[in-house]
């Protein structure tokens, strides 16, 4: 997986110390209530499409860009489903990162689901009763996106979702 140029430049200055980065994730549902998923090339996990935002990039624009780059599917964001902070991540090379993640429910408007870059091993549409194993946070984002009636869920420390 290629590291974005801006991130390589930052790492050349800060080394492996923790970076705070923004990311966007898409929950793309089709008219048969299937969700678009990809299998990550770096660790083999199944995940929702998404990735790091470029400097100055609007979260919705980044979500659209990442989905197209990773899956070949063009999308339009319909609503903001969640905003959350990831746990701290330490990569095999020692880089430490934490992410502010915006999750958008999106509608597919073009393209065909396929492996579209070197970040994915597989891409496809999955029924809710046939989902491959994903981390719990991905299941929660999927649930939030499906159940949302227009108001996003915002997590904050010490407050539990009703």
Protein backbone atom coordinates (compact mmCIF):
# COMPACT_ATOMS: atom_id res chain seq x y z
CA UNK A 1 0.00 0.00 0.00
CA UNK A 2 1.36 3.39 -0.96
CA UNK A 3 1.64 5.98 1.77
CA UNK A 4 0.24 9.40 0.75
CA UNK A 5 2.98 11.94 -0.03
CA UNK A 6 1.80 14.35 2.69
CA UNK A 7 2.00 11.56 5.27
CA UNK A 8 5.48 10.49 4.17
CA UNK A 9 6.58 14.11 4.55
CA UNK A 10 5.07 14.31 8.05
CA UNK A 11 6.70 11.04 9.06
CA UNK A 12 10.09 12.35 7.89
CA UNK A 13 9.75 15.05 10.56
CA UNK A 14 7.96 13.30 13.44
CA UNK A 15 9.27 9.77 12.97
CA UNK A 16 7.02 7.11 14.46
CA UNK A 17 5.41 9.37 17.08
CA UNK A 18 1.62 9.44 17.19
CA UNK A 19 -0.12 11.35 14.42
CA UNK A 20 -3.75 12.47 14.61
CA UNK A 21 -5.32 11.96 11.17
CA UNK A 22 -8.78 12.33 9.67
CA UNK A 23 -10.43 9.51 7.77
CA UNK A 24 -13.76 8.84 6.06
CA UNK A 25 -15.65 5.56 5.76
CA UNK A 26 -18.55 4.70 3.46
CA UNK A 27 -21.49 2.41 4.13
CA UNK A 28 -22.80 1.77 0.62
CA UNK A 29 -26.12 -0.07 0.46
CA UNK A 30 -27.78 -1.21 -2.75
CA UNK A 31 -31.50 -1.60 -3.50
CA UNK A 32 -31.34 -5.22 -2.27
CA UNK A 33 -29.98 -4.07 1.13
CA UNK A 34 -26.54 -5.48 0.39
CA UNK A 35 -23.45 -3.67 1.64
CA UNK A 36 -20.27 -2.99 -0.34
CA UNK A 37 -17.21 -4.50 1.36
CA UNK A 38 -13.56 -4.99 0.57
CA UNK A 39 -10.90 -7.33 1.85
CA UNK A 40 -7.85 -5.32 2.89
CA UNK A 41 -4.52 -6.27 1.33
CA UNK A 42 -2.47 -5.30 4.39
CA UNK A 43 -4.10 -7.57 6.98
CA UNK A 44 -6.77 -9.59 5.12
CA UNK A 45 -9.63 -8.09 7.16
CA UNK A 46 -13.01 -7.39 5.58
CA UNK A 47 -13.95 -3.73 5.89
CA UNK A 48 -16.12 -0.89 4.69
CA UNK A 49 -14.45 1.27 2.01
CA UNK A 50 -12.65 4.33 3.32
CA UNK A 51 -9.32 5.91 4.10
CA UNK A 52 -7.24 8.89 5.10
CA UNK A 53 -8.32 12.36 4.03
CA UNK A 54 -5.91 14.52 2.07
CA UNK A 55 -4.98 17.88 3.66
CA UNK A 56 -7.88 20.32 3.19
CA UNK A 57 -10.19 17.65 1.76
CA UNK A 58 -13.82 17.72 2.89
CA UNK A 59 -14.81 14.45 4.61
CA UNK A 60 -17.65 13.71 2.15
CA UNK A 61 -15.32 14.30 -0.80
CA UNK A 62 -12.74 11.98 0.74
CA UNK A 63 -15.36 9.30 1.30
CA UNK A 64 -16.43 9.46 -2.35
CA UNK A 65 -12.80 9.43 -3.56
CA UNK A 66 -11.76 6.52 -1.35
CA UNK A 67 -14.76 4.38 -2.31
CA UNK A 68 -14.12 4.89 -6.03
CA UNK A 69 -10.36 4.30 -5.69
CA UNK A 70 -10.77 1.12 -3.67
CA UNK A 71 -13.88 -0.48 -5.20
CA UNK A 72 -14.59 1.07 -8.61
CA UNK A 73 -18.03 2.15 -7.33
CA UNK A 74 -19.05 5.82 -7.63
CA UNK A 75 -21.19 6.98 -4.70
CA UNK A 76 -23.15 9.97 -3.44
CA UNK A 77 -23.24 10.57 0.33
CA UNK A 78 -26.80 10.55 1.70
CA UNK A 79 -26.14 11.29 5.36
CA UNK A 80 -23.53 11.44 8.07
CA UNK A 81 -24.04 8.26 10.09
CA UNK A 82 -21.35 8.54 12.78
CA UNK A 83 -18.30 10.42 14.00
CA UNK A 84 -15.85 8.53 16.18
CA UNK A 85 -12.24 8.25 17.29
CA UNK A 86 -10.32 5.06 16.60
CA UNK A 87 -8.18 3.32 19.17
CA UNK A 88 -4.49 4.13 18.86
CA UNK A 89 -2.95 2.06 16.05
CA UNK A 90 0.68 0.93 15.96
CA UNK A 91 1.72 -0.29 12.53
CA UNK A 92 4.35 -3.02 11.97
CA UNK A 93 6.96 -0.36 11.11
CA UNK A 94 6.36 1.34 14.50
CA UNK A 95 4.31 4.29 13.22
CA UNK A 96 1.61 5.27 15.72
CA UNK A 97 -1.63 6.87 14.54
CA UNK A 98 -5.08 7.70 15.83
CA UNK A 99 -7.97 8.63 13.56
CA UNK A 100 -11.00 10.91 13.69
CA UNK A 101 -13.43 9.00 11.48
CA UNK A 102 -16.54 10.30 9.72
CA UNK A 103 -18.89 7.60 8.46
CA UNK A 104 -21.27 8.32 5.58
CA UNK A 105 -24.21 6.30 4.33
CA UNK A 106 -23.90 6.42 0.56
CA UNK A 107 -25.83 5.45 -2.54
CA UNK A 108 -24.08 3.82 -5.49
CA UNK A 109 -24.51 5.84 -8.70
CA UNK A 110 -22.14 4.12 -11.10
CA UNK A 111 -19.24 1.79 -11.65
CA UNK A 112 -18.93 -1.89 -10.93
CA UNK A 113 -17.62 -3.47 -7.73
CA UNK A 114 -14.09 -4.74 -8.40
CA UNK A 115 -10.60 -4.67 -6.99
CA UNK A 116 -9.54 -1.25 -8.21
CA UNK A 117 -6.17 -0.70 -6.51
CA UNK A 118 -3.44 -2.49 -4.56
CA UNK A 119 -5.17 -1.87 -1.21
CA UNK A 120 -7.78 -4.61 -1.70
CA UNK A 121 -7.70 -8.36 -2.29
CA UNK A 122 -11.43 -8.68 -3.00
CA UNK A 123 -14.48 -6.41 -3.37
CA UNK A 124 -18.15 -7.31 -3.44
CA UNK A 125 -21.74 -6.84 -2.34
CA UNK A 126 -22.85 -8.85 0.70
CA UNK A 127 -26.28 -9.50 2.14
CA UNK A 128 -26.66 -8.64 5.80
CA UNK A 129 -27.10 -12.33 6.61
CA UNK A 130 -23.90 -13.34 4.78
CA UNK A 131 -21.34 -10.79 5.99
CA UNK A 132 -17.75 -11.98 6.20
CA UNK A 133 -16.02 -11.49 9.57
CA UNK A 134 -15.41 -7.80 10.35
CA UNK A 135 -14.29 -5.97 13.48
CA UNK A 136 -17.11 -4.92 15.81
CA UNK A 137 -16.72 -1.21 14.98
CA UNK A 138 -17.51 -1.91 11.32
CA UNK A 139 -20.70 -3.74 12.34
CA UNK A 140 -21.66 -0.78 14.55
CA UNK A 141 -21.12 1.72 11.72
CA UNK A 142 -23.22 -0.46 9.41
CA UNK A 143 -25.99 -0.59 12.00
CA UNK A 144 -25.85 3.18 12.59
CA UNK A 145 -25.98 3.90 8.85
CA UNK A 146 -28.93 1.55 8.29
CA UNK A 147 -30.95 2.80 11.28
CA UNK A 148 -30.24 6.51 10.97
CA UNK A 149 -33.21 8.70 10.14
CA UNK A 150 -31.07 11.72 9.33
CA UNK A 151 -29.47 12.57 12.66
CA UNK A 152 -25.95 11.27 13.15
CA UNK A 153 -24.83 9.41 16.27
CA UNK A 154 -22.00 11.25 18.01
CA UNK A 155 -19.96 9.36 20.59
CA UNK A 156 -18.50 11.17 23.56
CA UNK A 157 -16.72 9.89 26.63
CA UNK A 158 -18.95 8.75 29.46
CA UNK A 159 -22.20 8.79 27.52
CA UNK A 160 -23.75 5.58 26.27
CA UNK A 161 -25.95 5.32 23.20
CA UNK A 162 -29.62 4.97 24.24
